[in-house]
PDB file of N, CA and C in Angstrom:
ATOM      1  N   MET A   1    -170.069  82.206 -39.898  1.00  0.00           N
ATOM      2  CA  MET A   1    -169.557  82.358 -38.560  1.00  0.00           C
ATOM      3  C   MET A   1    -170.476  83.310 -37.781  1.00  0.00           C
ATOM      4  N   THR A   2    -170.805  82.941 -36.553  1.00  0.00           N
ATOM      5  CA  THR A   2    -171.692  83.730 -35.724  1.00  0.00           C
ATOM      6  C   THR A   2    -170.939  84.896 -35.097  1.00  0.00           C
ATOM      7  N   GLN A   3    -171.513  86.079 -35.200  1.00  0.00           N
ATOM      8  CA  GLN A   3    -170.932  87.258 -34.577  1.00  0.00           C
ATOM      9  C   GLN A   3    -171.677  87.523 -33.276  1.00  0.00           C
ATOM     10  N   HIS A   4    -170.946  87.866 -32.241  1.00  0.00           N
ATOM     11  CA  HIS A   4    -171.548  88.187 -30.954  1.00  0.00           C
ATOM     12  C   HIS A   4    -171.459  89.692 -30.742  1.00  0.00           C
ATOM     13  N   ARG A   5    -172.603  90.325 -30.502  1.00  0.00           N
ATOM     14  CA  ARG A   5    -172.627  91.777 -30.280  1.00  0.00           C
ATOM     15  C   ARG A   5    -172.145  92.145 -28.891  1.00  0.00           C
ATOM     16  N   ARG A   6    -172.562  91.352 -27.908  1.00  0.00           N
ATOM     17  CA  ARG A   6    -172.240  91.675 -26.518  1.00  0.00           C
ATOM     18  C   ARG A   6    -171.320  90.603 -25.956  1.00  0.00           C
ATOM     19  N   TRP A   7    -170.533  90.962 -24.957  1.00  0.00           N
ATOM     20  CA  TRP A   7    -169.558  90.040 -24.383  1.00  0.00           C
ATOM     21  C   TRP A   7    -170.215  88.783 -23.837  1.00  0.00           C
ATOM     22  N   TYR A   8    -171.443  88.861 -23.362  1.00  0.00           N
ATOM     23  CA  TYR A   8    -172.098  87.699 -22.749  1.00  0.00           C
ATOM     24  C   TYR A   8    -172.889  86.842 -23.737  1.00  0.00           C
ATOM     25  N   ASP A   9    -172.944  87.236 -25.002  1.00  0.00           N
ATOM     26  CA  ASP A   9    -173.665  86.450 -26.002  1.00  0.00           C
ATOM     27  C   ASP A   9    -172.985  85.115 -26.293  1.00  0.00           C
ATOM     28  N   LYS A  10    -171.711  84.987 -25.956  1.00  0.00           N
ATOM     29  CA  LYS A  10    -170.952  83.767 -26.250  1.00  0.00           C
ATOM     30  C   LYS A  10    -171.423  82.580 -25.425  1.00  0.00           C
ATOM     31  N   ASP A  11    -171.943  82.834 -24.224  1.00  0.00           N
ATOM     32  CA  ASP A  11    -172.373  81.770 -23.319  1.00  0.00           C
ATOM     33  C   ASP A  11    -173.893  81.829 -23.190  1.00  0.00           C
ATOM     34  N   PRO A  12    -174.615  80.803 -23.666  1.00  0.00           N
ATOM     35  CA  PRO A  12    -176.085  80.841 -23.660  1.00  0.00           C
ATOM     36  C   PRO A  12    -176.697  81.032 -22.260  1.00  0.00           C
ATOM     37  N   GLU A  13    -176.113  80.413 -21.247  1.00  0.00           N
ATOM     38  CA  GLU A  13    -176.665  80.573 -19.899  1.00  0.00           C
ATOM     39  C   GLU A  13    -176.428  81.985 -19.373  1.00  0.00           C
ATOM     40  N   LEU A  14    -175.260  82.506 -19.603  1.00  0.00           N
ATOM     41  CA  LEU A  14    -174.946  83.864 -19.167  1.00  0.00           C
ATOM     42  C   LEU A  14    -175.840  84.862 -19.900  1.00  0.00           C
ATOM     43  N   LYS A  15    -176.026  84.655 -21.179  1.00  0.00           N
ATOM     44  CA  LYS A  15    -176.892  85.516 -21.978  1.00  0.00           C
ATOM     45  C   LYS A  15    -178.319  85.487 -21.435  1.00  0.00           C
ATOM     46  N   GLU A  16    -178.836  84.303 -21.165  1.00  0.00           N
ATOM     47  CA  GLU A  16    -180.196  84.177 -20.639  1.00  0.00           C
ATOM     48  C   GLU A  16    -180.319  84.846 -19.271  1.00  0.00           C
ATOM     49  N   ALA A  17    -179.330  84.630 -18.405  1.00  0.00           N
ATOM     50  CA  ALA A  17    -179.373  85.211 -17.065  1.00  0.00           C
ATOM     51  C   ALA A  17    -179.391  86.736 -17.127  1.00  0.00           C
ATOM     52  N   LEU A  18    -178.547  87.326 -17.951  1.00  0.00           N
ATOM     53  CA  LEU A  18    -178.487  88.780 -18.035  1.00  0.00           C
ATOM     54  C   LEU A  18    -179.706  89.365 -18.735  1.00  0.00           C
ATOM     55  N   GLU A  19    -180.249  88.662 -19.708  1.00  0.00           N
ATOM     56  CA  GLU A  19    -181.460  89.152 -20.361  1.00  0.00           C
ATOM     57  C   GLU A  19    -182.652  89.101 -19.404  1.00  0.00           C
ATOM     58  N   LEU A  20    -182.762  88.036 -18.610  1.00  0.00           N
ATOM     59  CA  LEU A  20    -183.825  87.971 -17.601  1.00  0.00           C
ATOM     60  C   LEU A  20    -183.635  89.035 -16.536  1.00  0.00           C
ATOM     61  N   LEU A  21    -182.402  89.241 -16.136  1.00  0.00           N
ATOM     62  CA  LEU A  21    -182.108  90.257 -15.138  1.00  0.00           C
ATOM     63  C   LEU A  21    -182.497  91.642 -15.649  1.00  0.00           C
ATOM     64  N   CYS A  22    -182.227  91.911 -16.896  1.00  0.00           N
ATOM     65  CA  CYS A  22    -182.584  93.194 -17.507  1.00  0.00           C
ATOM     66  C   CYS A  22    -184.088  93.452 -17.407  1.00  0.00           C
ATOM     67  N   LEU A  23    -184.888  92.421 -17.522  1.00  0.00           N
ATOM     68  CA  LEU A  23    -186.344  92.541 -17.497  1.00  0.00           C
ATOM     69  C   LEU A  23    -186.927  92.467 -16.090  1.00  0.00           C
ATOM     70  N   SER A  24    -186.099  92.230 -15.093  1.00  0.00           N
ATOM     71  CA  SER A  24    -186.562  92.040 -13.719  1.00  0.00           C
ATOM     72  C   SER A  24    -186.925  93.353 -13.049  1.00  0.00           C
ATOM     73  N   ALA A  25    -187.669  93.221 -11.960  1.00  0.00           N
ATOM     74  CA  ALA A  25    -188.038  94.384 -11.148  1.00  0.00           C
ATOM     75  C   ALA A  25    -186.786  94.970 -10.495  1.00  0.00           C
ATOM     76  N   GLU A  26    -186.865  96.232 -10.114  1.00  0.00           N
ATOM     77  CA  GLU A  26    -185.708  96.927  -9.541  1.00  0.00           C
ATOM     78  C   GLU A  26    -185.185  96.257  -8.271  1.00  0.00           C
ATOM     79  N   ASP A  27    -186.072  95.780  -7.397  1.00  0.00           N
ATOM     80  CA  ASP A  27    -185.594  95.138  -6.170  1.00  0.00           C
ATOM     81  C   ASP A  27    -184.877  93.831  -6.472  1.00  0.00           C
ATOM     82  N   THR A  28    -185.305  93.124  -7.507  1.00  0.00           N
ATOM     83  CA  THR A  28    -184.620  91.904  -7.930  1.00  0.00           C
ATOM     84  C   THR A  28    -183.244  92.249  -8.482  1.00  0.00           C
ATOM     85  N   LYS A  29    -183.171  93.313  -9.266  1.00  0.00           N
ATOM     86  CA  LYS A  29    -181.883  93.755  -9.804  1.00  0.00           C
ATOM     87  C   LYS A  29    -180.926  94.121  -8.671  1.00  0.00           C
ATOM     88  N   ASP A  30    -181.451  94.797  -7.655  1.00  0.00           N
ATOM     89  CA  ASP A  30    -180.613  95.173  -6.511  1.00  0.00           C
ATOM     90  C   ASP A  30    -180.041  93.941  -5.815  1.00  0.00           C
ATOM     91  N   GLN A  31    -180.882  92.935  -5.601  1.00  0.00           N
ATOM     92  CA  GLN A  31    -180.428  91.702  -4.951  1.00  0.00           C
ATOM     93  C   GLN A  31    -179.402  90.979  -5.817  1.00  0.00           C
ATOM     94  N   ALA A  32    -179.650  90.955  -7.114  1.00  0.00           N
ATOM     95  CA  ALA A  32    -178.728  90.297  -8.040  1.00  0.00           C
ATOM     96  C   ALA A  32    -177.377  91.014  -8.054  1.00  0.00           C
ATOM     97  N   ALA A  33    -177.406  92.330  -8.043  1.00  0.00           N
ATOM     98  CA  ALA A  33    -176.159  93.099  -8.043  1.00  0.00           C
ATOM     99  C   ALA A  33    -175.342  92.788  -6.795  1.00  0.00           C
ATOM    100  N   LYS A  34    -175.996  92.718  -5.653  1.00  0.00           N
ATOM    101  CA  LYS A  34    -175.292  92.397  -4.408  1.00  0.00           C
ATOM    102  C   LYS A  34    -174.657  91.008  -4.492  1.00  0.00           C
ATOM    103  N   PHE A  35    -175.387  90.058  -5.065  1.00  0.00           N
ATOM    104  CA  PHE A  35    -174.836  88.703  -5.236  1.00  0.00           C
ATOM    105  C   PHE A  35    -173.613  88.730  -6.138  1.00  0.00           C
ATOM    106  N   ILE A  36    -173.731  89.393  -7.280  1.00  0.00           N
ATOM    107  CA  ILE A  36    -172.635  89.417  -8.246  1.00  0.00           C
ATOM    108  C   ILE A  36    -171.411  90.123  -7.664  1.00  0.00           C
ATOM    109  N   LEU A  37    -171.634  91.171  -6.894  1.00  0.00           N
ATOM    110  CA  LEU A  37    -170.511  91.917  -6.321  1.00  0.00           C
ATOM    111  C   LEU A  37    -169.669  91.068  -5.378  1.00  0.00           C
ATOM    112  N   ARG A  38    -170.243  90.008  -4.856  1.00  0.00           N
ATOM    113  CA  ARG A  38    -169.459  89.124  -3.990  1.00  0.00           C
ATOM    114  C   ARG A  38    -168.395  88.372  -4.774  1.00  0.00           C
ATOM    115  N   LEU A  39    -168.437  88.431  -6.087  1.00  0.00           N
ATOM    116  CA  LEU A  39    -167.407  87.793  -6.910  1.00  0.00           C
ATOM    117  C   LEU A  39    -166.048  88.478  -6.766  1.00  0.00           C
ATOM    118  N   GLN A  40    -166.048  89.712  -6.242  1.00  0.00           N
ATOM    119  CA  GLN A  40    -164.782  90.430  -6.083  1.00  0.00           C
ATOM    120  C   GLN A  40    -163.752  89.602  -5.344  1.00  0.00           C
ATOM    121  N   GLU A  41    -164.212  88.768  -4.430  1.00  0.00           N
ATOM    122  CA  GLU A  41    -163.310  87.937  -3.640  1.00  0.00           C
ATOM    123  C   GLU A  41    -162.557  86.935  -4.506  1.00  0.00           C
ATOM    124  N   GLN A  42    -163.070  86.664  -5.713  1.00  0.00           N
ATOM    125  CA  GLN A  42    -162.471  85.645  -6.562  1.00  0.00           C
ATOM    126  C   GLN A  42    -161.790  86.215  -7.803  1.00  0.00           C
ATOM    127  N   VAL A  43    -161.727  87.524  -7.898  1.00  0.00           N
ATOM    128  CA  VAL A  43    -161.136  88.145  -9.078  1.00  0.00           C
ATOM    129  C   VAL A  43    -159.859  88.870  -8.659  1.00  0.00           C
ATOM    130  N   ALA A  44    -158.824  88.718  -9.437  1.00  0.00           N
ATOM    131  CA  ALA A  44    -157.508  89.273  -9.116  1.00  0.00           C
ATOM    132  C   ALA A  44    -157.526  90.804  -9.040  1.00  0.00           C
ATOM    133  N   ALA A  45    -156.601  91.350  -8.272  1.00  0.00           N
ATOM    134  CA  ALA A  45    -156.520  92.794  -8.045  1.00  0.00           C
ATOM    135  C   ALA A  45    -156.319  93.571  -9.349  1.00  0.00           C
ATOM    136  N   ASP A  46    -155.524  93.064 -10.292  1.00  0.00           N
ATOM    137  CA  ASP A  46    -155.306  93.779 -11.546  1.00  0.00           C
ATOM    138  C   ASP A  46    -156.584  93.850 -12.371  1.00  0.00           C
ATOM    139  N   VAL A  47    -157.417  92.829 -12.247  1.00  0.00           N
ATOM    140  CA  VAL A  47    -158.704  92.824 -12.940  1.00  0.00           C
ATOM    141  C   VAL A  47    -159.629  93.857 -12.307  1.00  0.00           C
ATOM    142  N   ILE A  48    -159.590  93.966 -10.989  1.00  0.00           N
ATOM    143  CA  ILE A  48    -160.403  94.949 -10.276  1.00  0.00           C
ATOM    144  C   ILE A  48    -160.013  96.371 -10.716  1.00  0.00           C
ATOM    145  N   GLU A  49    -158.719  96.627 -10.881  1.00  0.00           N
ATOM    146  CA  GLU A  49    -158.260  97.939 -11.336  1.00  0.00           C
ATOM    147  C   GLU A  49    -158.821  98.262 -12.716  1.00  0.00           C
ATOM    148  N   LYS A  50    -158.817  97.294 -13.618  1.00  0.00           N
ATOM    149  CA  LYS A  50    -159.372  97.482 -14.959  1.00  0.00           C
ATOM    150  C   LYS A  50    -160.873  97.763 -14.862  1.00  0.00           C
ATOM    151  N   LEU A  51    -161.529  97.092 -13.934  1.00  0.00           N
ATOM    152  CA  LEU A  51    -162.954  97.300 -13.704  1.00  0.00           C
ATOM    153  C   LEU A  51    -163.226  98.762 -13.350  1.00  0.00           C
ATOM    154  N   TYR A  52    -162.452  99.315 -12.433  1.00  0.00           N
ATOM    155  CA  TYR A  52    -162.669 100.695 -12.019  1.00  0.00           C
ATOM    156  C   TYR A  52    -162.387 101.682 -13.145  1.00  0.00           C
ATOM    157  N   GLU A  53    -161.432 101.383 -13.997  1.00  0.00           N
ATOM    158  CA  GLU A  53    -161.166 102.236 -15.158  1.00  0.00           C
ATOM    159  C   GLU A  53    -162.372 102.243 -16.098  1.00  0.00           C
ATOM    160  N   THR A  54    -162.952 101.079 -16.317  1.00  0.00           N
ATOM    161  CA  THR A  54    -164.130 100.964 -17.175  1.00  0.00           C
ATOM    162  C   THR A  54    -165.306 101.718 -16.568  1.00  0.00           C
ATOM    163  N   LEU A  55    -165.483 101.594 -15.257  1.00  0.00           N
ATOM    164  CA  LEU A  55    -166.584 102.291 -14.585  1.00  0.00           C
ATOM    165  C   LEU A  55    -166.469 103.800 -14.758  1.00  0.00           C
ATOM    166  N   LYS A  56    -165.266 104.333 -14.606  1.00  0.00           N
ATOM    167  CA  LYS A  56    -165.063 105.774 -14.770  1.00  0.00           C
ATOM    168  C   LYS A  56    -165.420 106.217 -16.191  1.00  0.00           C
ATOM    169  N   GLN A  57    -165.101 105.372 -17.143  1.00  0.00           N
ATOM    170  CA  GLN A  57    -165.310 105.716 -18.547  1.00  0.00           C
ATOM    171  C   GLN A  57    -166.797 105.761 -18.921  1.00  0.00           C
ATOM    172  N   TYR A  58    -167.603 104.814 -18.401  1.00  0.00           N
ATOM    173  CA  TYR A  58    -168.980 104.666 -18.869  1.00  0.00           C
ATOM    174  C   TYR A  58    -170.062 105.126 -17.901  1.00  0.00           C
ATOM    175  N   GLU A  59    -169.747 105.295 -16.634  1.00  0.00           N
ATOM    176  CA  GLU A  59    -170.788 105.575 -15.649  1.00  0.00           C
ATOM    177  C   GLU A  59    -171.649 106.773 -16.037  1.00  0.00           C
ATOM    178  N   GLY A  60    -172.936 106.491 -16.186  1.00  0.00           N
ATOM    179  CA  GLY A  60    -173.893 107.533 -16.536  1.00  0.00           C
ATOM    180  C   GLY A  60    -173.851 107.990 -17.979  1.00  0.00           C
ATOM    181  N   LYS A  61    -172.936 107.463 -18.775  1.00  0.00           N
ATOM    182  CA  LYS A  61    -172.769 107.914 -20.151  1.00  0.00           C
ATOM    183  C   LYS A  61    -173.134 106.849 -21.174  1.00  0.00           C
ATOM    184  N   GLY A  62    -173.166 105.601 -20.757  1.00  0.00           N
ATOM    185  CA  GLY A  62    -173.377 104.518 -21.711  1.00  0.00           C
ATOM    186  C   GLY A  62    -174.832 104.324 -22.073  1.00  0.00           C
ATOM    187  N   SER A  63    -175.064 103.488 -23.052  1.00  0.00           N
ATOM    188  CA  SER A  63    -176.430 103.220 -23.510  1.00  0.00           C
ATOM    189  C   SER A  63    -176.905 101.818 -23.121  1.00  0.00           C
ATOM    190  N   ARG A  64    -176.080 101.095 -22.362  1.00  0.00           N
ATOM    191  CA  ARG A  64    -176.479  99.750 -21.941  1.00  0.00           C
ATOM    192  C   ARG A  64    -177.500  99.859 -20.817  1.00  0.00           C
ATOM    193  N   TRP A  65    -178.334  98.846 -20.657  1.00  0.00           N
ATOM    194  CA  TRP A  65    -179.425  98.900 -19.682  1.00  0.00           C
ATOM    195  C   TRP A  65    -178.942  99.102 -18.258  1.00  0.00           C
ATOM    196  N   TYR A  66    -177.708  98.763 -17.959  1.00  0.00           N
ATOM    197  CA  TYR A  66    -177.216  98.865 -16.586  1.00  0.00           C
ATOM    198  C   TYR A  66    -176.307 100.075 -16.345  1.00  0.00           C
ATOM    199  N   ASP A  67    -176.060 100.892 -17.345  1.00  0.00           N
ATOM    200  CA  ASP A  67    -175.121 102.011 -17.215  1.00  0.00           C
ATOM    201  C   ASP A  67    -175.590 103.127 -16.277  1.00  0.00           C
ATOM    202  N   ASN A  68    -176.867 103.265 -16.057  1.00  0.00           N
ATOM    203  CA  ASN A  68    -177.379 104.351 -15.217  1.00  0.00           C
ATOM    204  C   ASN A  68    -177.522 103.974 -13.757  1.00  0.00           C
ATOM    205  N   ASP A  69    -177.213 102.749 -13.413  1.00  0.00           N
ATOM    206  CA  ASP A  69    -177.265 102.295 -12.024  1.00  0.00           C
ATOM    207  C   ASP A  69    -175.842 101.913 -11.628  1.00  0.00           C
ATOM    208  N   PRO A  70    -175.173 102.733 -10.805  1.00  0.00           N
ATOM    209  CA  PRO A  70    -173.755 102.490 -10.495  1.00  0.00           C
ATOM    210  C   PRO A  70    -173.486 101.128  -9.856  1.00  0.00           C
ATOM    211  N   VAL A  71    -174.383 100.652  -9.019  1.00  0.00           N
ATOM    212  CA  VAL A  71    -174.175  99.347  -8.369  1.00  0.00           C
ATOM    213  C   VAL A  71    -174.317  98.224  -9.384  1.00  0.00           C
ATOM    214  N   MET A  72    -175.360  98.299 -10.211  1.00  0.00           N
ATOM    215  CA  MET A  72    -175.562  97.262 -11.224  1.00  0.00           C
ATOM    216  C   MET A  72    -174.437  97.306 -12.249  1.00  0.00           C
ATOM    217  N   MET A  73    -174.009  98.489 -12.619  1.00  0.00           N
ATOM    218  CA  MET A  73    -172.916  98.602 -13.588  1.00  0.00           C
ATOM    219  C   MET A  73    -171.649  97.942 -13.048  1.00  0.00           C
ATOM    220  N   LYS A  74    -171.336  98.211 -11.790  1.00  0.00           N
ATOM    221  CA  LYS A  74    -170.154  97.603 -11.180  1.00  0.00           C
ATOM    222  C   LYS A  74    -170.299  96.079 -11.161  1.00  0.00           C
ATOM    223  N   ALA A  75    -171.492  95.602 -10.809  1.00  0.00           N
ATOM    224  CA  ALA A  75    -171.729  94.157 -10.743  1.00  0.00           C
ATOM    225  C   ALA A  75    -171.569  93.505 -12.109  1.00  0.00           C
ATOM    226  N   ILE A  76    -172.172  94.072 -13.127  1.00  0.00           N
ATOM    227  CA  ILE A  76    -172.117  93.485 -14.471  1.00  0.00           C
ATOM    228  C   ILE A  76    -170.694  93.560 -15.026  1.00  0.00           C
ATOM    229  N   GLU A  77    -170.004  94.669 -14.804  1.00  0.00           N
ATOM    230  CA  GLU A  77    -168.618  94.777 -15.268  1.00  0.00           C
ATOM    231  C   GLU A  77    -167.722  93.773 -14.543  1.00  0.00           C
ATOM    232  N   LEU A  78    -167.979  93.564 -13.265  1.00  0.00           N
ATOM    233  CA  LEU A  78    -167.217  92.568 -12.514  1.00  0.00           C
ATOM    234  C   LEU A  78    -167.450  91.180 -13.097  1.00  0.00           C
ATOM    235  N   LEU A  79    -168.683  90.888 -13.418  1.00  0.00           N
ATOM    236  CA  LEU A  79    -169.002  89.599 -14.040  1.00  0.00           C
ATOM    237  C   LEU A  79    -168.315  89.484 -15.394  1.00  0.00           C
ATOM    238  N   ARG A  80    -168.274  90.582 -16.142  1.00  0.00           N
ATOM    239  CA  ARG A  80    -167.654  90.568 -17.473  1.00  0.00           C
ATOM    240  C   ARG A  80    -166.171  90.222 -17.407  1.00  0.00           C
ATOM    241  N   VAL A  81    -165.465  90.735 -16.398  1.00  0.00           N
ATOM    242  CA  VAL A  81    -164.022  90.502 -16.323  1.00  0.00           C
ATOM    243  C   VAL A  81    -163.662  89.236 -15.546  1.00  0.00           C
ATOM    244  N   ALA A  82    -164.652  88.566 -14.990  1.00  0.00           N
ATOM    245  CA  ALA A  82    -164.399  87.325 -14.260  1.00  0.00           C
ATOM    246  C   ALA A  82    -164.019  86.215 -15.242  1.00  0.00           C
ATOM    247  N   PRO A  83    -163.296  85.200 -14.761  1.00  0.00           N
ATOM    248  CA  PRO A  83    -162.962  84.071 -15.632  1.00  0.00           C
ATOM    249  C   PRO A  83    -164.235  83.374 -16.136  1.00  0.00           C
ATOM    250  N   PRO A  84    -164.191  82.784 -17.326  1.00  0.00           N
ATOM    251  CA  PRO A  84    -165.380  82.146 -17.901  1.00  0.00           C
ATOM    252  C   PRO A  84    -166.043  81.108 -16.981  1.00  0.00           C
ATOM    253  N   ASN A  85    -165.254  80.339 -16.250  1.00  0.00           N
ATOM    254  CA  ASN A  85    -165.874  79.336 -15.376  1.00  0.00           C
ATOM    255  C   ASN A  85    -166.650  80.001 -14.242  1.00  0.00           C
ATOM    256  N   VAL A  86    -166.180  81.140 -13.753  1.00  0.00           N
ATOM    257  CA  VAL A  86    -166.892  81.881 -12.715  1.00  0.00           C
ATOM    258  C   VAL A  86    -168.152  82.514 -13.310  1.00  0.00           C
ATOM    259  N   GLN A  87    -168.052  83.025 -14.533  1.00  0.00           N
ATOM    260  CA  GLN A  87    -169.222  83.589 -15.212  1.00  0.00           C
ATOM    261  C   GLN A  87    -170.324  82.539 -15.336  1.00  0.00           C
ATOM    262  N   ARG A  88    -169.939  81.322 -15.753  1.00  0.00           N
ATOM    263  CA  ARG A  88    -170.915  80.255 -15.933  1.00  0.00           C
ATOM    264  C   ARG A  88    -171.601  79.889 -14.627  1.00  0.00           C
ATOM    265  N   LYS A  89    -170.800  79.746 -13.564  1.00  0.00           N
ATOM    266  CA  LYS A  89    -171.373  79.398 -12.260  1.00  0.00           C
ATOM    267  C   LYS A  89    -172.311  80.494 -11.772  1.00  0.00           C
ATOM    268  N   ALA A  90    -171.899  81.734 -11.946  1.00  0.00           N
ATOM    269  CA  ALA A  90    -172.736  82.858 -11.529  1.00  0.00           C
ATOM    270  C   ALA A  90    -174.030  82.891 -12.335  1.00  0.00           C
ATOM    271  N   ALA A  91    -173.939  82.635 -13.638  1.00  0.00           N
ATOM    272  CA  ALA A  91    -175.127  82.632 -14.495  1.00  0.00           C
ATOM    273  C   ALA A  91    -176.116  81.570 -14.045  1.00  0.00           C
ATOM    274  N   LYS A  92    -175.625  80.377 -13.745  1.00  0.00           N
ATOM    275  CA  LYS A  92    -176.519  79.305 -13.287  1.00  0.00           C
ATOM    276  C   LYS A  92    -177.213  79.694 -11.991  1.00  0.00           C
ATOM    277  N   LYS A  93    -176.464  80.278 -11.065  1.00  0.00           N
ATOM    278  CA  LYS A  93    -177.054  80.678  -9.787  1.00  0.00           C
ATOM    279  C   LYS A  93    -178.031  81.841  -9.972  1.00  0.00           C
ATOM    280  N   LEU A  94    -177.710  82.760 -10.860  1.00  0.00           N
ATOM    281  CA  LEU A  94    -178.634  83.853 -11.149  1.00  0.00           C
ATOM    282  C   LEU A  94    -179.934  83.328 -11.749  1.00  0.00           C
ATOM    283  N   LEU A  95    -179.816  82.396 -12.679  1.00  0.00           N
ATOM    284  CA  LEU A  95    -181.017  81.816 -13.285  1.00  0.00           C
ATOM    285  C   LEU A  95    -181.888  81.129 -12.240  1.00  0.00           C
ATOM    286  N   MET A  96    -181.265  80.380 -11.331  1.00  0.00           N
ATOM    287  CA  MET A  96    -182.025  79.714 -10.264  1.00  0.00           C
ATOM    288  C   MET A  96    -182.723  80.742  -9.385  1.00  0.00           C
ATOM    289  N   ALA A  97    -182.003  81.790  -8.999  1.00  0.00           N
ATOM    290  CA  ALA A  97    -182.574  82.811  -8.120  1.00  0.00           C
ATOM    291  C   ALA A  97    -183.686  83.589  -8.817  1.00  0.00           C
ATOM    292  N   LEU A  98    -183.480  83.917 -10.085  1.00  0.00           N
ATOM    293  CA  LEU A  98    -184.511  84.634 -10.824  1.00  0.00           C
ATOM    294  C   LEU A  98    -185.749  83.760 -11.006  1.00  0.00           C
ATOM    295  N   ASP A  99    -185.557  82.464 -11.208  1.00  0.00           N
ATOM    296  CA  ASP A  99    -186.673  81.540 -11.349  1.00  0.00           C
ATOM    297  C   ASP A  99    -187.477  81.452 -10.051  1.00  0.00           C
ATOM    298  N   LYS A 100    -186.763  81.404  -8.923  1.00  0.00           N
ATOM    299  CA  LYS A 100    -187.421  81.332  -7.609  1.00  0.00           C
ATOM    300  C   LYS A 100    -187.868  82.710  -7.126  1.00  0.00           C
ATOM    301  N   ASN A 101    -187.404  83.756  -7.813  1.00  0.00           N
ATOM    302  CA  ASN A 101    -187.640  85.137  -7.399  1.00  0.00           C
ATOM    303  C   ASN A 101    -187.172  85.369  -5.967  1.00  0.00           C
ATOM    304  N   SER A 102    -186.032  84.767  -5.645  1.00  0.00           N
ATOM    305  CA  SER A 102    -185.466  84.914  -4.303  1.00  0.00           C
ATOM    306  C   SER A 102    -183.954  84.738  -4.358  1.00  0.00           C
ATOM    307  N   PHE A 103    -183.265  85.659  -3.701  1.00  0.00           N
ATOM    308  CA  PHE A 103    -181.817  85.576  -3.603  1.00  0.00           C
ATOM    309  C   PHE A 103    -181.386  85.156  -2.204  1.00  0.00           C
ATOM    310  N   GLU A 104    -182.366  84.817  -1.354  1.00  0.00           N
ATOM    311  CA  GLU A 104    -182.048  84.370  -0.005  1.00  0.00           C
ATOM    312  C   GLU A 104    -181.317  83.033  -0.070  1.00  0.00           C
ATOM    313  N   ASP A 105    -180.370  82.879   0.809  1.00  0.00           N
ATOM    314  CA  ASP A 105    -179.585  81.644   0.922  1.00  0.00           C
ATOM    315  C   ASP A 105    -178.809  81.309  -0.342  1.00  0.00           C
ATOM    316  N   LEU A 106    -178.631  82.262  -1.226  1.00  0.00           N
ATOM    317  CA  LEU A 106    -177.852  82.030  -2.446  1.00  0.00           C
ATOM    318  C   LEU A 106    -176.385  82.135  -2.077  1.00  0.00           C
ATOM    319  N   GLU A 107    -175.700  81.049  -2.184  1.00  0.00           N
ATOM    320  CA  GLU A 107    -174.290  80.995  -1.795  1.00  0.00           C
ATOM    321  C   GLU A 107    -173.422  81.673  -2.832  1.00  0.00           C
ATOM    322  N   ILE A 108    -172.340  82.256  -2.346  1.00  0.00           N
ATOM    323  CA  ILE A 108    -171.344  82.818  -3.240  1.00  0.00           C
ATOM    324  C   ILE A 108    -170.746  81.681  -4.067  1.00  0.00           C
ATOM    325  N   ILE A 109    -170.199  81.995  -5.182  1.00  0.00           N
ATOM    326  CA  ILE A 109    -169.599  81.007  -6.069  1.00  0.00           C
ATOM    327  C   ILE A 109    -168.500  80.261  -5.316  1.00  0.00           C
ATOM    328  N   GLU A 110    -168.475  78.951  -5.515  1.00  0.00           N
ATOM    329  CA  GLU A 110    -167.444  78.148  -4.856  1.00  0.00           C
ATOM    330  C   GLU A 110    -166.058  78.596  -5.300  1.00  0.00           C
ATOM    331  N   GLU A 111    -165.070  78.276  -4.488  1.00  0.00           N
ATOM    332  CA  GLU A 111    -163.694  78.646  -4.838  1.00  0.00           C
ATOM    333  C   GLU A 111    -163.307  78.036  -6.171  1.00  0.00           C
ATOM    334  N   THR A 112    -162.593  78.820  -6.951  1.00  0.00           N
ATOM    335  CA  THR A 112    -162.090  78.329  -8.226  1.00  0.00           C
ATOM    336  C   THR A 112    -160.639  77.912  -8.060  1.00  0.00           C
ATOM    337  N   GLU A 113    -160.134  77.249  -9.051  1.00  0.00           N
ATOM    338  CA  GLU A 113    -158.749  76.804  -8.999  1.00  0.00           C
ATOM    339  C   GLU A 113    -157.811  78.005  -8.880  1.00  0.00           C
ATOM    340  N   ASN A 114    -158.181  79.145  -9.487  1.00  0.00           N
ATOM    341  CA  ASN A 114    -157.329  80.335  -9.453  1.00  0.00           C
ATOM    342  C   ASN A 114    -157.283  80.994  -8.084  1.00  0.00           C
ATOM    343  N   SER A 115    -158.302  80.784  -7.257  1.00  0.00           N
ATOM    344  CA  SER A 115    -158.332  81.473  -5.970  1.00  0.00           C
ATOM    345  C   SER A 115    -157.795  80.626  -4.835  1.00  0.00           C
ATOM    346  N   LYS A 116    -157.382  79.414  -5.115  1.00  0.00           N
ATOM    347  CA  LYS A 116    -156.855  78.551  -4.064  1.00  0.00           C
ATOM    348  C   LYS A 116    -155.423  78.889  -3.766  1.00  0.00           C
TER     349      LYS A 116
END
């Protein structure tokens, strides 16, 4: 049985997107974080509260590549608590943007069944 070390290892596209993002230039990371943060519109309020609790716990203290950047940490944690279908859509869009090295005209994730 395969063990997953990180929450995003379960989805190959999400794993690839976050690993590429980790290796990206700082300005690319900033653009990606802004894109991911737009997911807040599609995540329930109780999930957002859990997100803020996690941020308080790890901000500046963790050993993950995004823990020392408060905006990136918020973005990645938001992605982590998003529903799997939203994670997948975001990963695909991140991969496209990272491939093009441009986040211009990158649309927010389409409405999900949960947000209708």
